Amino acid sequence: MWTIGPNVDGLFGFAALWQVWLLTEVLAVVLYLPTRAFSRYKHSSNKAWIKYF
């Protein structure tokens, strides 16, 4: 995967620290809406197994 960076000891890494911060910001934006939707579902649900999460 060329977008992640060079292969370092069998693990994918980043070539620069700014790439880590960029990925962090992108993930925060992408995951915000699904997380908020699940939170609303969890609070409105009466199912005990959903409240476990």
PDB file of N, CA and C in Angstrom:
ATOM      1  N   MET A   1       0.847  -1.183   0.000  1.00  0.00           N
ATOM      2  CA  MET A   1       0.000   0.000   0.000  1.00  0.00           C
ATOM      3  C   MET A   1       0.888   1.240   0.000  1.00  0.00           C
ATOM      4  N   TRP A   2       0.990   1.869  -1.098  1.00  0.00           N
ATOM      5  CA  TRP A   2       1.886   3.009  -1.256  1.00  0.00           C
ATOM      6  C   TRP A   2       1.420   4.233  -0.485  1.00  0.00           C
ATOM      7  N   THR A   3       0.150   4.299  -0.098  1.00  0.00           N
ATOM      8  CA  THR A   3      -0.342   5.486   0.605  1.00  0.00           C
ATOM      9  C   THR A   3       0.046   5.492   2.072  1.00  0.00           C
ATOM     10  N   ILE A   4       0.377   4.338   2.625  1.00  0.00           N
ATOM     11  CA  ILE A   4       0.718   4.256   4.045  1.00  0.00           C
ATOM     12  C   ILE A   4       2.189   4.556   4.277  1.00  0.00           C
ATOM     13  N   GLY A   5       3.048   4.119   3.417  1.00  0.00           N
ATOM     14  CA  GLY A   5       4.464   4.407   3.585  1.00  0.00           C
ATOM     15  C   GLY A   5       5.324   3.182   3.417  1.00  0.00           C
ATOM     16  N   PRO A   6       6.588   3.326   3.729  1.00  0.00           N
ATOM     17  CA  PRO A   6       7.517   2.211   3.537  1.00  0.00           C
ATOM     18  C   PRO A   6       7.267   1.083   4.535  1.00  0.00           C
ATOM     19  N   ASN A   7       7.686  -0.093   4.142  1.00  0.00           N
ATOM     20  CA  ASN A   7       7.552  -1.254   5.001  1.00  0.00           C
ATOM     21  C   ASN A   7       8.726  -1.277   5.979  1.00  0.00           C
ATOM     22  N   VAL A   8       8.437  -1.282   7.271  1.00  0.00           N
ATOM     23  CA  VAL A   8       9.481  -1.250   8.291  1.00  0.00           C
ATOM     24  C   VAL A   8       9.345  -2.504   9.156  1.00  0.00           C
ATOM     25  N   ASP A   9      10.274  -3.436   9.012  1.00  0.00           N
ATOM     26  CA  ASP A   9      10.283  -4.674   9.804  1.00  0.00           C
ATOM     27  C   ASP A   9       8.948  -5.405   9.776  1.00  0.00           C
ATOM     28  N   GLY A  10       8.348  -5.493   8.633  1.00  0.00           N
ATOM     29  CA  GLY A  10       7.097  -6.221   8.518  1.00  0.00           C
ATOM     30  C   GLY A  10       5.869  -5.416   8.890  1.00  0.00           C
ATOM     31  N   LEU A  11       6.032  -4.213   9.363  1.00  0.00           N
ATOM     32  CA  LEU A  11       4.903  -3.357   9.709  1.00  0.00           C
ATOM     33  C   LEU A  11       4.894  -2.141   8.796  1.00  0.00           C
ATOM     34  N   PHE A  12       3.722  -1.643   8.495  1.00  0.00           N
ATOM     35  CA  PHE A  12       3.647  -0.428   7.686  1.00  0.00           C
ATOM     36  C   PHE A  12       3.848   0.769   8.590  1.00  0.00           C
ATOM     37  N   GLY A  13       4.641   1.707   8.132  1.00  0.00           N
ATOM     38  CA  GLY A  13       4.921   2.900   8.909  1.00  0.00           C
ATOM     39  C   GLY A  13       4.729   4.142   8.077  1.00  0.00           C
ATOM     40  N   PHE A  14       5.035   5.250   8.658  1.00  0.00           N
ATOM     41  CA  PHE A  14       4.930   6.530   7.987  1.00  0.00           C
ATOM     42  C   PHE A  14       6.324   7.120   7.842  1.00  0.00           C
ATOM     43  N   ALA A  15       6.521   7.856   6.758  1.00  0.00           N
ATOM     44  CA  ALA A  15       7.816   8.455   6.497  1.00  0.00           C
ATOM     45  C   ALA A  15       8.018   9.738   7.294  1.00  0.00           C
ATOM     46  N   ALA A  16       6.926  10.378   7.712  1.00  0.00           N
ATOM     47  CA  ALA A  16       7.041  11.650   8.428  1.00  0.00           C
ATOM     48  C   ALA A  16       5.926  11.766   9.457  1.00  0.00           C
ATOM     49  N   LEU A  17       6.173  12.546  10.482  1.00  0.00           N
ATOM     50  CA  LEU A  17       5.187  12.717  11.554  1.00  0.00           C
ATOM     51  C   LEU A  17       3.928  13.410  11.073  1.00  0.00           C
ATOM     52  N   TRP A  18       4.041  14.316  10.123  1.00  0.00           N
ATOM     53  CA  TRP A  18       2.854  15.008   9.623  1.00  0.00           C
ATOM     54  C   TRP A  18       1.863  14.037   8.990  1.00  0.00           C
ATOM     55  N   GLN A  19       2.346  12.920   8.462  1.00  0.00           N
ATOM     56  CA  GLN A  19       1.456  11.925   7.884  1.00  0.00           C
ATOM     57  C   GLN A  19       0.614  11.240   8.961  1.00  0.00           C
ATOM     58  N   VAL A  20       1.209  11.041  10.113  1.00  0.00           N
ATOM     59  CA  VAL A  20       0.470  10.459  11.238  1.00  0.00           C
ATOM     60  C   VAL A  20      -0.652  11.404  11.655  1.00  0.00           C
ATOM     61  N   TRP A  21      -0.340  12.686  11.769  1.00  0.00           N
ATOM     62  CA  TRP A  21      -1.345  13.673  12.168  1.00  0.00           C
ATOM     63  C   TRP A  21      -2.423  13.821  11.106  1.00  0.00           C
ATOM     64  N   LEU A  22      -2.052  13.746   9.844  1.00  0.00           N
ATOM     65  CA  LEU A  22      -3.035  13.831   8.773  1.00  0.00           C
ATOM     66  C   LEU A  22      -3.997  12.648   8.831  1.00  0.00           C
ATOM     67  N   LEU A  23      -3.467  11.457   9.011  1.00  0.00           N
ATOM     68  CA  LEU A  23      -4.319  10.283   9.127  1.00  0.00           C
ATOM     69  C   LEU A  23      -5.236  10.394  10.340  1.00  0.00           C
ATOM     70  N   THR A  24      -4.727  10.906  11.442  1.00  0.00           N
ATOM     71  CA  THR A  24      -5.534  11.086  12.638  1.00  0.00           C
ATOM     72  C   THR A  24      -6.707  12.016  12.372  1.00  0.00           C
ATOM     73  N   GLU A  25      -6.455  13.118  11.710  1.00  0.00           N
ATOM     74  CA  GLU A  25      -7.522  14.077  11.404  1.00  0.00           C
ATOM     75  C   GLU A  25      -8.540  13.489  10.428  1.00  0.00           C
ATOM     76  N   VAL A  26      -8.069  12.771   9.427  1.00  0.00           N
ATOM     77  CA  VAL A  26      -8.979  12.163   8.456  1.00  0.00           C
ATOM     78  C   VAL A  26      -9.875  11.133   9.144  1.00  0.00           C
ATOM     79  N   LEU A  27      -9.294  10.291   9.981  1.00  0.00           N
ATOM     80  CA  LEU A  27     -10.087   9.289  10.693  1.00  0.00           C
ATOM     81  C   LEU A  27     -11.091   9.927  11.647  1.00  0.00           C
ATOM     82  N   ALA A  28     -10.713  11.002  12.306  1.00  0.00           N
ATOM     83  CA  ALA A  28     -11.639  11.691  13.209  1.00  0.00           C
ATOM     84  C   ALA A  28     -12.847  12.218  12.447  1.00  0.00           C
ATOM     85  N   VAL A  29     -12.617  12.783  11.288  1.00  0.00           N
ATOM     86  CA  VAL A  29     -13.718  13.317  10.482  1.00  0.00           C
ATOM     87  C   VAL A  29     -14.596  12.191   9.934  1.00  0.00           C
ATOM     88  N   VAL A  30     -13.975  11.149   9.420  1.00  0.00           N
ATOM     89  CA  VAL A  30     -14.718  10.047   8.806  1.00  0.00           C
ATOM     90  C   VAL A  30     -15.538   9.276   9.847  1.00  0.00           C
ATOM     91  N   LEU A  31     -14.994   9.069  11.025  1.00  0.00           N
ATOM     92  CA  LEU A  31     -15.662   8.244  12.032  1.00  0.00           C
ATOM     93  C   LEU A  31     -16.616   9.011  12.942  1.00  0.00           C
ATOM     94  N   TYR A  32     -16.655  10.332  12.825  1.00  0.00           N
ATOM     95  CA  TYR A  32     -17.496  11.130  13.715  1.00  0.00           C
ATOM     96  C   TYR A  32     -18.981  10.801  13.556  1.00  0.00           C
ATOM     97  N   LEU A  33     -19.486  10.836  12.342  1.00  0.00           N
ATOM     98  CA  LEU A  33     -20.919  10.604  12.125  1.00  0.00           C
ATOM     99  C   LEU A  33     -21.368   9.180  12.487  1.00  0.00           C
ATOM    100  N   PRO A  34     -20.651   8.123  12.083  1.00  0.00           N
ATOM    101  CA  PRO A  34     -21.085   6.786  12.501  1.00  0.00           C
ATOM    102  C   PRO A  34     -21.038   6.603  14.021  1.00  0.00           C
ATOM    103  N   THR A  35     -20.044   7.195  14.663  1.00  0.00           N
ATOM    104  CA  THR A  35     -19.941   7.082  16.116  1.00  0.00           C
ATOM    105  C   THR A  35     -21.092   7.797  16.795  1.00  0.00           C
ATOM    106  N   ARG A  36     -21.430   8.979  16.302  1.00  0.00           N
ATOM    107  CA  ARG A  36     -22.543   9.733  16.873  1.00  0.00           C
ATOM    108  C   ARG A  36     -23.867   9.012  16.657  1.00  0.00           C
ATOM    109  N   ALA A  37     -24.047   8.411  15.477  1.00  0.00           N
ATOM    110  CA  ALA A  37     -25.268   7.660  15.189  1.00  0.00           C
ATOM    111  C   ALA A  37     -25.388   6.446  16.102  1.00  0.00           C
ATOM    112  N   PHE A  38     -24.292   5.725  16.318  1.00  0.00           N
ATOM    113  CA  PHE A  38     -24.346   4.568  17.218  1.00  0.00           C
ATOM    114  C   PHE A  38     -24.621   5.000  18.647  1.00  0.00           C
ATOM    115  N   SER A  39     -24.071   6.134  19.054  1.00  0.00           N
ATOM    116  CA  SER A  39     -24.325   6.638  20.401  1.00  0.00           C
ATOM    117  C   SER A  39     -25.806   6.932  20.598  1.00  0.00           C
ATOM    118  N   ARG A  40     -26.420   7.557  19.615  1.00  0.00           N
ATOM    119  CA  ARG A  40     -27.860   7.847  19.712  1.00  0.00           C
ATOM    120  C   ARG A  40     -28.670   6.558  19.751  1.00  0.00           C
ATOM    121  N   TYR A  41     -28.300   5.592  18.920  1.00  0.00           N
ATOM    122  CA  TYR A  41     -28.991   4.300  18.911  1.00  0.00           C
ATOM    123  C   TYR A  41     -28.836   3.596  20.256  1.00  0.00           C
ATOM    124  N   LYS A  42     -27.637   3.635  20.797  1.00  0.00           N
ATOM    125  CA  LYS A  42     -27.360   2.970  22.069  1.00  0.00           C
ATOM    126  C   LYS A  42     -28.195   3.573  23.192  1.00  0.00           C
ATOM    127  N   HIS A  43     -28.302   4.883  23.228  1.00  0.00           N
ATOM    128  CA  HIS A  43     -29.052   5.545  24.296  1.00  0.00           C
ATOM    129  C   HIS A  43     -30.561   5.360  24.143  1.00  0.00           C
ATOM    130  N   SER A  44     -31.033   5.165  22.927  1.00  0.00           N
ATOM    131  CA  SER A  44     -32.470   5.004  22.721  1.00  0.00           C
ATOM    132  C   SER A  44     -32.914   3.544  22.760  1.00  0.00           C
ATOM    133  N   SER A  45     -31.977   2.623  22.735  1.00  0.00           N
ATOM    134  CA  SER A  45     -32.310   1.204  22.707  1.00  0.00           C
ATOM    135  C   SER A  45     -32.613   0.684  24.110  1.00  0.00           C
ATOM    136  N   ASN A  46     -33.537  -0.265  24.150  1.00  0.00           N
ATOM    137  CA  ASN A  46     -33.876  -0.921  25.419  1.00  0.00           C
ATOM    138  C   ASN A  46     -33.226  -2.292  25.530  1.00  0.00           C
ATOM    139  N   LYS A  47     -32.408  -2.644  24.568  1.00  0.00           N
ATOM    140  CA  LYS A  47     -31.769  -3.955  24.563  1.00  0.00           C
ATOM    141  C   LYS A  47     -30.528  -3.920  25.451  1.00  0.00           C
ATOM    142  N   ALA A  48     -30.442  -4.866  26.357  1.00  0.00           N
ATOM    143  CA  ALA A  48     -29.329  -4.882  27.312  1.00  0.00           C
ATOM    144  C   ALA A  48     -27.995  -5.139  26.631  1.00  0.00           C
ATOM    145  N   TRP A  49     -27.974  -5.973  25.597  1.00  0.00           N
ATOM    146  CA  TRP A  49     -26.702  -6.290  24.956  1.00  0.00           C
ATOM    147  C   TRP A  49     -26.148  -5.108  24.180  1.00  0.00           C
ATOM    148  N   ILE A  50     -27.006  -4.202  23.741  1.00  0.00           N
ATOM    149  CA  ILE A  50     -26.529  -2.991  23.066  1.00  0.00           C
ATOM    150  C   ILE A  50     -25.890  -2.059  24.092  1.00  0.00           C
ATOM    151  N   LYS A  51     -26.442  -1.971  25.261  1.00  0.00           N
ATOM    152  CA  LYS A  51     -25.892  -1.101  26.296  1.00  0.00           C
ATOM    153  C   LYS A  51     -24.531  -1.601  26.771  1.00  0.00           C
ATOM    154  N   TYR A  52     -24.231  -2.870  26.547  1.00  0.00           N
ATOM    155  CA  TYR A  52     -22.938  -3.424  26.915  1.00  0.00           C
ATOM    156  C   TYR A  52     -21.804  -2.723  26.164  1.00  0.00           C
ATOM    157  N   PHE A  53     -22.071  -2.385  24.893  1.00  0.00           N
ATOM    158  CA  PHE A  53     -21.057  -1.701  24.086  1.00  0.00           C
ATOM    159  C   PHE A  53     -20.956  -0.304  24.579  1.00  0.00           C
TER     160      PHE A  53
END
